[in-house]
Amino acid sequence: MPPHGPPGDESRAAARWGAVFGALVVLLIFVLVQNPPDRFLGGPSEDAPSDVAPEVSASPEAFGESRAVRLQLALPNEEFLFPLQVAGDPAALAYRWVRADDSAAVAPPAPLASARVRAPSVPGFFRLEIAEADAGRTILDSLLVGVMVPYGAKIGSSLNGYRIGNYRWERNAVDAPPPPRGFVEVTESSRTLAVSQHLQLEDFLTHDDQARWPRYVALDPRILDKVELVIALVALWRGKQDRDVQVDVHSGFRTPLHNRRVPRAALDSRHQFGDAADVAVDADGDGRITYRDAVTVGLAAEQIERDHPDLVGGIGVYGNFGGAPYVHLDVRGTRARWKR
């Protein structure tokens, strides 16, 4: 007798293995039909939605010359430029606005045909969300968009119960500068929103006796740019990074009502128009703010204006006038200099 069993056992075993192999082939075909190779191997299917967010970001120029501004402003429904860097075809993308505090959408998506977008129809602070059809979404949280309350919404001297006062322009004063286009509405929760690398919304609130919310602020992003450029230059002179330079805004926006109560304030102080800031900077890093610090900041502002003519304006160096030394900066468009 052969050592491995009677004749026919080997053929029966081969048949059994053939049946098993055939079943495995059938099973593999079934799996491949249900799971096409690209999905089976972990790649995205051409017919299936993708969770990959579109490759889009705000362009460097969106952050000003300093690359440190975090705010753009617009009026309700205004079309404005939002510089973008897009990988791929912008025509395949759509945008919509989401609230800055909770990312809730406030408008339906609109085609992203170019870098020009239309602002939300309601005042507030928003982020731009970019989406691709059947793909993921990207919220551009590096840039804040503030939709202003139009100047025309002010009734008499107040806006929504907040006392602002009247601009000389409203009284048809000769050569009076026009008022701001609008005011950003600041709530108690939005006051800490960053408008630049070193500055927050609350840095520009009027220091008056009104404790109600919301409050309203006129703010020109160009003054943010100028302050940030000055900080960066002071840091360069110190051999430090700009995040190591401490800045305190003594005065940002002033309502015309409050400006009349500020000693020696100019009748048409640029603070009323949102394009000025009084800043105290520890320029030498010794932990104190002295007149020498103020002079250093003033010299830095002079150089910034030479390098960036579009930011030309006022530079006022104040000694121990009503407190610690500080420097007034504004972007009025014409050169003005003084010391006190």
C-alpha atoms as a PDB file:
ATOM      1  CA  MET A   1       0.000   0.000   0.000  1.00  0.00           C
ATOM      2  CA  PRO A   2       1.393   3.445  -0.852  1.00  0.00           C
ATOM      3  CA  PRO A   3       2.514   5.359   2.223  1.00  0.00           C
ATOM      4  CA  HIS A   4       0.005   8.218   1.788  1.00  0.00           C
ATOM      5  CA  GLY A   5      -3.270   6.341   1.569  1.00  0.00           C
ATOM      6  CA  PRO A   6      -5.260   4.484  -0.992  1.00  0.00           C
ATOM      7  CA  PRO A   7      -5.426   5.528  -4.649  1.00  0.00           C
ATOM      8  CA  GLY A   8      -7.927   8.459  -5.206  1.00  0.00           C
ATOM      9  CA  ASP A   9      -7.260  10.273  -1.885  1.00  0.00           C
ATOM     10  CA  GLU A  10      -4.902  12.738  -3.548  1.00  0.00           C
ATOM     11  CA  SER A  11      -7.402  13.626  -6.280  1.00  0.00           C
ATOM     12  CA  ARG A  12     -10.168  14.165  -3.727  1.00  0.00           C
ATOM     13  CA  ALA A  13      -7.858  16.458  -1.663  1.00  0.00           C
ATOM     14  CA  ALA A  14      -6.946  18.424  -4.763  1.00  0.00           C
ATOM     15  CA  ALA A  15     -10.620  18.890  -5.550  1.00  0.00           C
ATOM     16  CA  ARG A  16     -11.319  20.204  -2.051  1.00  0.00           C
ATOM     17  CA  TRP A  17      -8.447  22.726  -2.297  1.00  0.00           C
ATOM     18  CA  GLY A  18      -9.661  23.796  -5.715  1.00  0.00           C
ATOM     19  CA  ALA A  19     -13.107  24.494  -4.312  1.00  0.00           C
ATOM     20  CA  VAL A  20     -11.622  26.550  -1.456  1.00  0.00           C
ATOM     21  CA  PHE A  21      -9.474  28.553  -3.898  1.00  0.00           C
ATOM     22  CA  GLY A  22     -12.452  29.196  -6.150  1.00  0.00           C
ATOM     23  CA  ALA A  23     -14.488  30.464  -3.191  1.00  0.00           C
ATOM     24  CA  LEU A  24     -11.677  32.855  -2.237  1.00  0.00           C
ATOM     25  CA  VAL A  25     -11.532  34.218  -5.778  1.00  0.00           C
ATOM     26  CA  VAL A  26     -15.288  34.815  -5.761  1.00  0.00           C
ATOM     27  CA  LEU A  27     -14.999  36.566  -2.367  1.00  0.00           C
ATOM     28  CA  LEU A  28     -12.163  38.801  -3.597  1.00  0.00           C
ATOM     29  CA  ILE A  29     -14.135  39.817  -6.695  1.00  0.00           C
ATOM     30  CA  PHE A  30     -17.120  40.700  -4.491  1.00  0.00           C
ATOM     31  CA  VAL A  31     -14.953  42.881  -2.234  1.00  0.00           C
ATOM     32  CA  LEU A  32     -13.385  44.696  -5.193  1.00  0.00           C
ATOM     33  CA  VAL A  33     -16.796  45.360  -6.736  1.00  0.00           C
ATOM     34  CA  GLN A  34     -18.104  46.808  -3.479  1.00  0.00           C
ATOM     35  CA  ASN A  35     -14.863  48.732  -2.841  1.00  0.00           C
ATOM     36  CA  PRO A  36     -13.108  50.052  -5.965  1.00  0.00           C
ATOM     37  CA  PRO A  37      -9.314  49.876  -5.725  1.00  0.00           C
ATOM     38  CA  ASP A  38      -8.693  53.557  -4.909  1.00  0.00           C
ATOM     39  CA  ARG A  39     -11.066  53.474  -1.938  1.00  0.00           C
ATOM     40  CA  PHE A  40     -10.002  49.937  -0.979  1.00  0.00           C
ATOM     41  CA  LEU A  41      -6.391  51.134  -0.753  1.00  0.00           C
ATOM     42  CA  GLY A  42      -7.329  54.268   1.196  1.00  0.00           C
ATOM     43  CA  GLY A  43      -7.358  56.890  -1.607  1.00  0.00           C
ATOM     44  CA  PRO A  44     -10.323  59.130  -2.501  1.00  0.00           C
ATOM     45  CA  SER A  45     -12.792  57.998  -5.139  1.00  0.00           C
ATOM     46  CA  GLU A  46     -13.502  60.330  -8.034  1.00  0.00           C
ATOM     47  CA  ASP A  47     -17.217  59.877  -7.424  1.00  0.00           C
ATOM     48  CA  ALA A  48     -17.147  60.199  -3.639  1.00  0.00           C
ATOM     49  CA  PRO A  49     -17.054  63.435  -1.615  1.00  0.00           C
ATOM     50  CA  SER A  50     -13.673  64.346  -0.131  1.00  0.00           C
ATOM     51  CA  ASP A  51     -12.999  65.737   3.325  1.00  0.00           C
ATOM     52  CA  VAL A  52      -9.829  67.452   2.098  1.00  0.00           C
ATOM     53  CA  ALA A  53     -10.145  71.223   2.631  1.00  0.00           C
ATOM     54  CA  PRO A  54      -9.347  73.484  -0.322  1.00  0.00           C
ATOM     55  CA  GLU A  55      -5.842  74.951  -0.331  1.00  0.00           C
ATOM     56  CA  VAL A  56      -6.571  78.635   0.111  1.00  0.00           C
ATOM     57  CA  SER A  57      -5.236  81.340   2.418  1.00  0.00           C
ATOM     58  CA  ALA A  58      -5.153  85.108   2.771  1.00  0.00           C
ATOM     59  CA  SER A  59      -2.373  86.683   0.708  1.00  0.00           C
ATOM     60  CA  PRO A  60       0.441  88.456   2.585  1.00  0.00           C
ATOM     61  CA  GLU A  61      -0.737  91.867   1.358  1.00  0.00           C
ATOM     62  CA  ALA A  62      -4.017  91.340   3.206  1.00  0.00           C
ATOM     63  CA  PHE A  63      -2.090  91.963   6.436  1.00  0.00           C
ATOM     64  CA  GLY A  64      -0.733  95.388   5.523  1.00  0.00           C
ATOM     65  CA  GLU A  65       2.852  96.517   5.005  1.00  0.00           C
ATOM     66  CA  SER A  66       3.678  95.273   8.496  1.00  0.00           C
ATOM     67  CA  ARG A  67       2.172  91.833   7.784  1.00  0.00           C
ATOM     68  CA  ALA A  68       0.696  92.201  11.286  1.00  0.00           C
ATOM     69  CA  VAL A  69      -2.754  93.741  10.636  1.00  0.00           C
ATOM     70  CA  ARG A  70      -5.616  91.336  11.314  1.00  0.00           C
ATOM     71  CA  LEU A  71      -8.614  93.490  10.367  1.00  0.00           C
ATOM     72  CA  GLN A  72     -10.422  94.580   7.230  1.00  0.00           C
ATOM     73  CA  LEU A  73     -13.480  96.837   7.313  1.00  0.00           C
ATOM     74  CA  ALA A  74     -16.482  97.156   5.020  1.00  0.00           C
ATOM     75  CA  LEU A  75     -20.015  98.500   5.000  1.00  0.00           C
ATOM     76  CA  PRO A  76     -22.998  96.131   4.774  1.00  0.00           C
ATOM     77  CA  ASN A  77     -23.251  94.479   1.316  1.00  0.00           C
ATOM     78  CA  GLU A  78     -20.168  96.349   0.129  1.00  0.00           C
ATOM     79  CA  GLU A  79     -17.963  94.637  -2.431  1.00  0.00           C
ATOM     80  CA  PHE A  80     -14.294  94.791  -1.435  1.00  0.00           C
ATOM     81  CA  LEU A  81     -10.938  93.174  -2.102  1.00  0.00           C
ATOM     82  CA  PHE A  82      -9.975  90.187   0.040  1.00  0.00           C
ATOM     83  CA  PRO A  83      -6.532  89.128  -1.297  1.00  0.00           C
ATOM     84  CA  LEU A  84      -6.325  85.346  -1.558  1.00  0.00           C
ATOM     85  CA  GLN A  85      -3.815  82.678  -2.472  1.00  0.00           C
ATOM     86  CA  VAL A  86      -5.600  79.774  -4.149  1.00  0.00           C
ATOM     87  CA  ALA A  87      -4.119  76.449  -5.248  1.00  0.00           C
ATOM     88  CA  GLY A  88      -6.139  75.452  -8.281  1.00  0.00           C
ATOM     89  CA  ASP A  89      -9.049  77.011 -10.097  1.00  0.00           C
ATOM     90  CA  PRO A  90     -10.852  79.753  -8.076  1.00  0.00           C
ATOM     91  CA  ALA A  91     -13.945  79.161 -10.217  1.00  0.00           C
ATOM     92  CA  ALA A  92     -14.399  75.809  -8.456  1.00  0.00           C
ATOM     93  CA  LEU A  93     -14.680  77.513  -5.070  1.00  0.00           C
ATOM     94  CA  ALA A  94     -17.468  79.242  -3.178  1.00  0.00           C
ATOM     95  CA  TYR A  95     -17.351  81.520  -0.139  1.00  0.00           C
ATOM     96  CA  ARG A  96     -19.662  82.394   2.689  1.00  0.00           C
ATOM     97  CA  TRP A  97     -19.412  84.419   5.882  1.00  0.00           C
ATOM     98  CA  VAL A  98     -19.390  82.931   9.360  1.00  0.00           C
ATOM     99  CA  ARG A  99     -19.581  84.803  12.640  1.00  0.00           C
ATOM    100  CA  ALA A 100     -16.240  85.304  14.342  1.00  0.00           C
ATOM    101  CA  ASP A 101     -17.475  84.172  17.749  1.00  0.00           C
ATOM    102  CA  ASP A 102     -19.207  80.868  16.905  1.00  0.00           C
ATOM    103  CA  SER A 103     -18.528  80.188  13.166  1.00  0.00           C
ATOM    104  CA  ALA A 104     -22.262  80.165  12.423  1.00  0.00           C
ATOM    105  CA  ALA A 105     -23.048  80.968   8.785  1.00  0.00           C
ATOM    106  CA  VAL A 106     -24.860  84.254   8.155  1.00  0.00           C
ATOM    107  CA  ALA A 107     -25.362  83.999   4.378  1.00  0.00           C
ATOM    108  CA  PRO A 108     -25.636  81.297   1.719  1.00  0.00           C
ATOM    109  CA  PRO A 109     -22.512  80.414  -0.311  1.00  0.00           C
ATOM    110  CA  ALA A 110     -21.593  82.593  -3.301  1.00  0.00           C
ATOM    111  CA  PRO A 111     -19.230  81.799  -6.184  1.00  0.00           C
ATOM    112  CA  LEU A 112     -15.646  82.906  -5.661  1.00  0.00           C
ATOM    113  CA  ALA A 113     -15.071  84.364  -9.113  1.00  0.00           C
ATOM    114  CA  SER A 114     -12.214  86.634  -7.993  1.00  0.00           C
ATOM    115  CA  ALA A 115     -10.596  88.086  -4.894  1.00  0.00           C
ATOM    116  CA  ARG A 116     -13.472  90.549  -4.604  1.00  0.00           C
ATOM    117  CA  VAL A 117     -16.174  89.488  -2.180  1.00  0.00           C
ATOM    118  CA  ARG A 118     -19.393  91.018  -0.900  1.00  0.00           C
ATOM    119  CA  ALA A 119     -19.650  91.813   2.794  1.00  0.00           C
ATOM    120  CA  PRO A 120     -22.476  90.445   4.954  1.00  0.00           C
ATOM    121  CA  SER A 121     -25.627  92.511   5.120  1.00  0.00           C
ATOM    122  CA  VAL A 122     -25.506  92.934   8.894  1.00  0.00           C
ATOM    123  CA  PRO A 123     -22.915  94.632  11.126  1.00  0.00           C
ATOM    124  CA  GLY A 124     -20.560  92.505  13.217  1.00  0.00           C
ATOM    125  CA  PHE A 125     -17.312  90.566  12.985  1.00  0.00           C
ATOM    126  CA  PHE A 126     -16.901  87.710  10.558  1.00  0.00           C
ATOM    127  CA  ARG A 127     -14.471  85.230   9.020  1.00  0.00           C
ATOM    128  CA  LEU A 128     -14.399  84.114   5.405  1.00  0.00           C
ATOM    129  CA  GLU A 129     -15.114  80.429   4.776  1.00  0.00           C
ATOM    130  CA  ILE A 130     -14.005  78.860   1.490  1.00  0.00           C
ATOM    131  CA  ALA A 131     -15.510  75.606   0.207  1.00  0.00           C
ATOM    132  CA  GLU A 132     -15.073  73.386  -2.824  1.00  0.00           C
ATOM    133  CA  ALA A 133     -17.929  71.356  -4.286  1.00  0.00           C
ATOM    134  CA  ASP A 134     -18.117  67.901  -2.640  1.00  0.00           C
ATOM    135  CA  ALA A 135     -15.008  68.741  -0.598  1.00  0.00           C
ATOM    136  CA  GLY A 136     -14.001  70.198   2.741  1.00  0.00           C
ATOM    137  CA  ARG A 137     -14.115  73.762   3.990  1.00  0.00           C
ATOM    138  CA  THR A 138     -11.477  76.227   5.156  1.00  0.00           C
ATOM    139  CA  ILE A 139     -12.169  79.129   7.533  1.00  0.00           C
ATOM    140  CA  LEU A 140      -9.608  81.901   7.121  1.00  0.00           C
ATOM    141  CA  ASP A 141      -9.246  82.719  10.801  1.00  0.00           C
ATOM    142  CA  SER A 142      -6.085  84.768  10.289  1.00  0.00           C
ATOM    143  CA  LEU A 143      -8.087  87.810   9.171  1.00  0.00           C
ATOM    144  CA  LEU A 144     -11.081  89.446  10.827  1.00  0.00           C
ATOM    145  CA  VAL A 145     -13.671  91.316   8.763  1.00  0.00           C
ATOM    146  CA  GLY A 146     -15.619  94.003  10.548  1.00  0.00           C
ATOM    147  CA  VAL A 147     -18.872  95.123   8.964  1.00  0.00           C
ATOM    148  CA  MET A 148     -19.531  98.645  10.153  1.00  0.00           C
ATOM    149  CA  VAL A 149     -22.711 100.421  11.077  1.00  0.00           C
ATOM    150  CA  PRO A 150     -22.967 103.197   8.456  1.00  0.00           C
ATOM    151  CA  TYR A 151     -22.418 106.733   9.663  1.00  0.00           C
ATOM    152  CA  GLY A 152     -25.887 107.592   8.417  1.00  0.00           C
ATOM    153  CA  ALA A 153     -27.410 105.316  11.058  1.00  0.00           C
ATOM    154  CA  LYS A 154     -26.447 107.837  13.734  1.00  0.00           C
ATOM    155  CA  ILE A 155     -29.538 109.740  14.835  1.00  0.00           C
ATOM    156  CA  GLY A 156     -28.685 113.149  16.195  1.00  0.00           C
ATOM    157  CA  SER A 157     -25.756 112.692  18.539  1.00  0.00           C
ATOM    158  CA  SER A 158     -26.338 109.008  19.359  1.00  0.00           C
ATOM    159  CA  LEU A 159     -26.009 105.609  17.726  1.00  0.00           C
ATOM    160  CA  ASN A 160     -28.172 102.856  19.188  1.00  0.00           C
ATOM    161  CA  GLY A 161     -28.203 104.680  22.521  1.00  0.00           C
ATOM    162  CA  TYR A 162     -24.439 105.248  22.621  1.00  0.00           C
ATOM    163  CA  ARG A 163     -23.586 108.945  22.816  1.00  0.00           C
ATOM    164  CA  ILE A 164     -21.154 109.980  20.097  1.00  0.00           C
ATOM    165  CA  GLY A 165     -21.765 113.693  19.696  1.00  0.00           C
ATOM    166  CA  ASN A 166     -21.587 115.675  16.483  1.00  0.00           C
ATOM    167  CA  TYR A 167     -18.812 116.292  14.003  1.00  0.00           C
ATOM    168  CA  ARG A 168     -18.181 119.821  12.777  1.00  0.00           C
ATOM    169  CA  TRP A 169     -18.979 118.561   9.282  1.00  0.00           C
ATOM    170  CA  GLU A 170     -22.567 118.002  10.430  1.00  0.00           C
ATOM    171  CA  ARG A 171     -22.841 121.684  11.185  1.00  0.00           C
ATOM    172  CA  ASN A 172     -21.579 122.640   7.695  1.00  0.00           C
ATOM    173  CA  ALA A 173     -18.396 124.057   9.178  1.00  0.00           C
ATOM    174  CA  VAL A 174     -16.009 125.471   6.591  1.00  0.00           C
ATOM    175  CA  ASP A 175     -13.062 123.120   5.806  1.00  0.00           C
ATOM    176  CA  ALA A 176     -14.302 120.550   8.328  1.00  0.00           C
ATOM    177  CA  PRO A 177     -13.076 117.038   7.482  1.00  0.00           C
ATOM    178  CA  PRO A 178     -15.786 114.509   6.615  1.00  0.00           C
ATOM    179  CA  PRO A 179     -16.829 112.067   9.336  1.00  0.00           C
ATOM    180  CA  PRO A 180     -15.927 108.355   9.322  1.00  0.00           C
ATOM    181  CA  ARG A 181     -17.744 106.089   6.849  1.00  0.00           C
ATOM    182  CA  GLY A 182     -19.025 104.020   9.739  1.00  0.00           C
ATOM    183  CA  PHE A 183     -18.437 102.602  13.186  1.00  0.00           C
ATOM    184  CA  VAL A 184     -17.647  99.069  14.286  1.00  0.00           C
ATOM    185  CA  GLU A 185     -20.006  97.735  16.914  1.00  0.00           C
ATOM    186  CA  VAL A 186     -18.098  96.400  19.933  1.00  0.00           C
ATOM    187  CA  THR A 187     -19.806  94.101  22.427  1.00  0.00           C
ATOM    188  CA  GLU A 188     -18.485  92.997  25.786  1.00  0.00           C
ATOM    189  CA  SER A 189     -17.510  89.639  24.275  1.00  0.00           C
ATOM    190  CA  SER A 190     -15.911  91.032  21.101  1.00  0.00           C
ATOM    191  CA  ARG A 191     -13.800  93.679  22.832  1.00  0.00           C
ATOM    192  CA  THR A 192     -10.804  91.318  23.093  1.00  0.00           C
ATOM    193  CA  LEU A 193     -10.715  90.423  19.396  1.00  0.00           C
ATOM    194  CA  ALA A 194      -7.237  90.943  17.951  1.00  0.00           C
ATOM    195  CA  VAL A 195      -7.109  93.624  15.250  1.00  0.00           C
ATOM    196  CA  SER A 196      -3.338  93.339  14.809  1.00  0.00           C
ATOM    197  CA  GLN A 197      -0.461  91.399  16.296  1.00  0.00           C
ATOM    198  CA  HIS A 198      -0.175  93.657  19.351  1.00  0.00           C
ATOM    199  CA  LEU A 199      -3.558  95.415  19.491  1.00  0.00           C
ATOM    200  CA  GLN A 200      -7.127  94.509  20.407  1.00  0.00           C
ATOM    201  CA  LEU A 201     -10.468  96.224  19.797  1.00  0.00           C
ATOM    202  CA  GLU A 202     -10.648  97.431  23.382  1.00  0.00           C
ATOM    203  CA  ASP A 203      -7.448  99.444  22.873  1.00  0.00           C
ATOM    204  CA  PHE A 204      -9.509 101.830  20.729  1.00  0.00           C
ATOM    205  CA  LEU A 205     -12.608 102.235  22.896  1.00  0.00           C
ATOM    206  CA  THR A 206     -13.348 105.807  23.961  1.00  0.00           C
ATOM    207  CA  HIS A 207     -12.365 106.384  27.593  1.00  0.00           C
ATOM    208  CA  ASP A 208     -15.630 108.054  28.530  1.00  0.00           C
ATOM    209  CA  ASP A 209     -18.127 107.410  31.312  1.00  0.00           C
ATOM    210  CA  GLN A 210     -20.460 105.216  29.258  1.00  0.00           C
ATOM    211  CA  ALA A 211     -20.635 101.692  30.644  1.00  0.00           C
ATOM    212  CA  ARG A 212     -23.330 100.347  28.303  1.00  0.00           C
ATOM    213  CA  TRP A 213     -22.846  97.791  25.533  1.00  0.00           C
ATOM    214  CA  PRO A 214     -22.560  97.782  22.613  1.00  0.00           C
ATOM    215  CA  ARG A 215     -20.128 100.639  22.081  1.00  0.00           C
ATOM    216  CA  TYR A 216     -19.011 102.069  18.780  1.00  0.00           C
ATOM    217  CA  VAL A 217     -15.564 102.773  17.401  1.00  0.00           C
ATOM    218  CA  ALA A 218     -14.258 104.466  14.279  1.00  0.00           C
ATOM    219  CA  LEU A 219     -11.084 102.668  13.226  1.00  0.00           C
ATOM    220  CA  ASP A 220      -8.825 102.929  10.185  1.00  0.00           C
ATOM    221  CA  PRO A 221      -6.689  99.770   9.685  1.00  0.00           C
ATOM    222  CA  ARG A 222      -3.855 101.977   8.394  1.00  0.00           C
ATOM    223  CA  ILE A 223      -3.138 103.216  11.928  1.00  0.00           C
ATOM    224  CA  LEU A 224      -2.806  99.583  12.992  1.00  0.00           C
ATOM    225  CA  ASP A 225      -0.269  99.107  10.208  1.00  0.00           C
ATOM    226  CA  LYS A 226       1.721 102.178  11.233  1.00  0.00           C
ATOM    227  CA  VAL A 227       1.848 101.213  14.905  1.00  0.00           C
ATOM    228  CA  GLU A 228       2.933  97.660  14.050  1.00  0.00           C
ATOM    229  CA  LEU A 229       5.668  98.919  11.707  1.00  0.00           C
ATOM    230  CA  VAL A 230       6.949 101.229  14.447  1.00  0.00           C
ATOM    231  CA  ILE A 231       6.977  98.377  16.970  1.00  0.00           C
ATOM    232  CA  ALA A 232       8.856  96.135  14.541  1.00  0.00           C
ATOM    233  CA  LEU A 233      11.479  98.819  13.887  1.00  0.00           C
ATOM    234  CA  VAL A 234      11.968  99.538  17.598  1.00  0.00           C
ATOM    235  CA  ALA A 235      12.431  95.801  18.136  1.00  0.00           C
ATOM    236  CA  LEU A 236      14.994  95.698  15.319  1.00  0.00           C
ATOM    237  CA  TRP A 237      16.971  98.518  16.913  1.00  0.00           C
ATOM    238  CA  ARG A 238      16.925  96.638  20.220  1.00  0.00           C
ATOM    239  CA  GLY A 239      17.958  93.372  18.570  1.00  0.00           C
ATOM    240  CA  LYS A 240      14.764  91.753  19.828  1.00  0.00           C
ATOM    241  CA  GLN A 241      11.704  90.208  18.246  1.00  0.00           C
ATOM    242  CA  ASP A 242       8.700  92.505  18.005  1.00  0.00           C
ATOM    243  CA  ARG A 243       6.646  90.266  20.292  1.00  0.00           C
ATOM    244  CA  ASP A 244       9.028  91.244  23.098  1.00  0.00           C
ATOM    245  CA  VAL A 245       8.124  94.936  22.785  1.00  0.00           C
ATOM    246  CA  GLN A 246       5.316  96.073  25.072  1.00  0.00           C
ATOM    247  CA  VAL A 247       2.909  98.747  23.842  1.00  0.00           C
ATOM    248  CA  ASP A 248       0.096 100.512  25.676  1.00  0.00           C
ATOM    249  CA  VAL A 249      -2.540 102.506  23.798  1.00  0.00           C
ATOM    250  CA  HIS A 250      -3.412 105.520  25.933  1.00  0.00           C
ATOM    251  CA  SER A 251      -6.048 106.770  23.530  1.00  0.00           C
ATOM    252  CA  GLY A 252      -7.542 105.356  20.358  1.00  0.00           C
ATOM    253  CA  PHE A 253     -10.934 106.481  19.106  1.00  0.00           C
ATOM    254  CA  ARG A 254     -12.524 109.468  20.809  1.00  0.00           C
ATOM    255  CA  THR A 255     -16.101 110.419  20.192  1.00  0.00           C
ATOM    256  CA  PRO A 256     -16.500 114.128  19.379  1.00  0.00           C
ATOM    257  CA  LEU A 257     -18.453 114.397  22.621  1.00  0.00           C
ATOM    258  CA  HIS A 258     -15.514 113.054  24.639  1.00  0.00           C
ATOM    259  CA  ASN A 259     -12.883 114.921  22.629  1.00  0.00           C
ATOM    260  CA  ARG A 260     -14.347 118.252  23.748  1.00  0.00           C
ATOM    261  CA  ARG A 261     -13.643 117.239  27.344  1.00  0.00           C
ATOM    262  CA  VAL A 262      -9.987 116.299  26.772  1.00  0.00           C
ATOM    263  CA  PRO A 263      -7.645 119.140  27.852  1.00  0.00           C
ATOM    264  CA  ARG A 264      -5.830 120.786  24.927  1.00  0.00           C
ATOM    265  CA  ALA A 265      -7.334 118.382  22.413  1.00  0.00           C
ATOM    266  CA  ALA A 266      -7.447 119.726  18.861  1.00  0.00           C
ATOM    267  CA  LEU A 267     -10.868 120.725  17.592  1.00  0.00           C
ATOM    268  CA  ASP A 268     -10.503 118.305  14.689  1.00  0.00           C
ATOM    269  CA  SER A 269      -8.387 115.751  16.535  1.00  0.00           C
ATOM    270  CA  ARG A 270      -7.706 112.732  14.340  1.00  0.00           C
ATOM    271  CA  HIS A 271      -8.776 110.517  17.225  1.00  0.00           C
ATOM    272  CA  GLN A 272     -12.370 111.336  16.273  1.00  0.00           C
ATOM    273  CA  PHE A 273     -11.867 109.795  12.840  1.00  0.00           C
ATOM    274  CA  GLY A 274     -10.301 106.519  13.950  1.00  0.00           C
ATOM    275  CA  ASP A 275      -6.921 107.027  12.306  1.00  0.00           C
ATOM    276  CA  ALA A 276      -4.887 108.000  15.383  1.00  0.00           C
ATOM    277  CA  ALA A 277      -3.432 106.354  18.470  1.00  0.00           C
ATOM    278  CA  ASP A 278      -1.455 107.590  21.461  1.00  0.00           C
ATOM    279  CA  VAL A 279       1.043 104.863  22.331  1.00  0.00           C
ATOM    280  CA  ALA A 280       3.478 104.350  25.192  1.00  0.00           C
ATOM    281  CA  VAL A 281       6.286 101.929  24.364  1.00  0.00           C
ATOM    282  CA  ASP A 282       9.134 100.646  26.500  1.00  0.00           C
ATOM    283  CA  ALA A 283      11.565 101.154  23.620  1.00  0.00           C
ATOM    284  CA  ASP A 284      14.772 100.315  25.480  1.00  0.00           C
ATOM    285  CA  GLY A 285      13.304  97.374  27.401  1.00  0.00           C
ATOM    286  CA  ASP A 286      14.337  98.566  30.874  1.00  0.00           C
ATOM    287  CA  GLY A 287      10.849  98.083  32.319  1.00  0.00           C
ATOM    288  CA  ARG A 288      10.127 101.840  32.459  1.00  0.00           C
ATOM    289  CA  ILE A 289       8.584 104.246  29.978  1.00  0.00           C
ATOM    290  CA  THR A 290      10.572 107.478  29.876  1.00  0.00           C
ATOM    291  CA  TYR A 291      10.840 110.516  27.632  1.00  0.00           C
ATOM    292  CA  ARG A 292      13.808 108.816  25.963  1.00  0.00           C
ATOM    293  CA  ASP A 293      11.489 105.963  24.980  1.00  0.00           C
ATOM    294  CA  ALA A 294       9.026 108.441  23.485  1.00  0.00           C
ATOM    295  CA  VAL A 295      11.778 110.121  21.449  1.00  0.00           C
ATOM    296  CA  THR A 296      12.924 106.712  20.157  1.00  0.00           C
ATOM    297  CA  VAL A 297       9.370 105.846  19.072  1.00  0.00           C
ATOM    298  CA  GLY A 298       9.062 109.228  17.364  1.00  0.00           C
ATOM    299  CA  LEU A 299      12.297 108.611  15.424  1.00  0.00           C
ATOM    300  CA  ALA A 300      11.048 105.168  14.411  1.00  0.00           C
ATOM    301  CA  ALA A 301       7.792 106.708  13.164  1.00  0.00           C
ATOM    302  CA  GLU A 302       9.793 109.218  11.096  1.00  0.00           C
ATOM    303  CA  GLN A 303      11.616 106.400   9.342  1.00  0.00           C
ATOM    304  CA  ILE A 304       8.387 104.453   8.781  1.00  0.00           C
ATOM    305  CA  GLU A 305       6.837 107.478   7.066  1.00  0.00           C
ATOM    306  CA  ARG A 306       9.891 107.823   4.819  1.00  0.00           C
ATOM    307  CA  ASP A 307       9.634 104.147   3.865  1.00  0.00           C
ATOM    308  CA  HIS A 308       5.828 104.129   3.573  1.00  0.00           C
ATOM    309  CA  PRO A 309       4.558 107.496   2.259  1.00  0.00           C
ATOM    310  CA  ASP A 310       0.956 106.240   2.293  1.00  0.00           C
ATOM    311  CA  LEU A 311       1.151 106.259   6.101  1.00  0.00           C
ATOM    312  CA  VAL A 312       2.253 109.884   6.429  1.00  0.00           C
ATOM    313  CA  GLY A 313       0.555 111.843   9.185  1.00  0.00           C
ATOM    314  CA  GLY A 314       1.074 113.313  12.608  1.00  0.00           C
ATOM    315  CA  ILE A 315       3.856 112.474  15.065  1.00  0.00           C
ATOM    316  CA  GLY A 316       3.577 114.192  18.429  1.00  0.00           C
ATOM    317  CA  VAL A 317       6.011 113.445  21.263  1.00  0.00           C
ATOM    318  CA  TYR A 318       4.640 114.102  24.739  1.00  0.00           C
ATOM    319  CA  GLY A 319       6.807 114.264  27.862  1.00  0.00           C
ATOM    320  CA  ASN A 320       5.318 113.996  31.300  1.00  0.00           C
ATOM    321  CA  PHE A 321       2.085 115.551  30.083  1.00  0.00           C
ATOM    322  CA  GLY A 322      -0.742 114.120  32.154  1.00  0.00           C
ATOM    323  CA  GLY A 323       1.088 110.859  32.920  1.00  0.00           C
ATOM    324  CA  ALA A 324       3.781 108.695  31.374  1.00  0.00           C
ATOM    325  CA  PRO A 325       5.461 109.908  28.172  1.00  0.00           C
ATOM    326  CA  TYR A 326       3.786 108.775  24.971  1.00  0.00           C
ATOM    327  CA  VAL A 327       3.699 109.423  21.238  1.00  0.00           C
ATOM    328  CA  HIS A 328       0.739 110.433  19.114  1.00  0.00           C
ATOM    329  CA  LEU A 329       0.623 108.733  15.708  1.00  0.00           C
ATOM    330  CA  ASP A 330      -1.902 109.262  12.934  1.00  0.00           C
ATOM    331  CA  VAL A 331      -2.281 108.695   9.190  1.00  0.00           C
ATOM    332  CA  ARG A 332      -4.063 111.907   8.204  1.00  0.00           C
ATOM    333  CA  GLY A 333      -2.230 112.017   4.863  1.00  0.00           C
ATOM    334  CA  THR A 334      -0.256 115.214   5.511  1.00  0.00           C
ATOM    335  CA  ARG A 335       2.852 115.728   7.607  1.00  0.00           C
ATOM    336  CA  ALA A 336       2.410 117.253  11.104  1.00  0.00           C
ATOM    337  CA  ARG A 337       4.969 117.401  13.956  1.00  0.00           C
ATOM    338  CA  TRP A 338       4.912 118.691  17.525  1.00  0.00           C
ATOM    339  CA  LYS A 339       6.370 118.152  20.993  1.00  0.00           C
ATOM    340  CA  ARG A 340       4.894 118.896  24.380  1.00  0.00           C
END
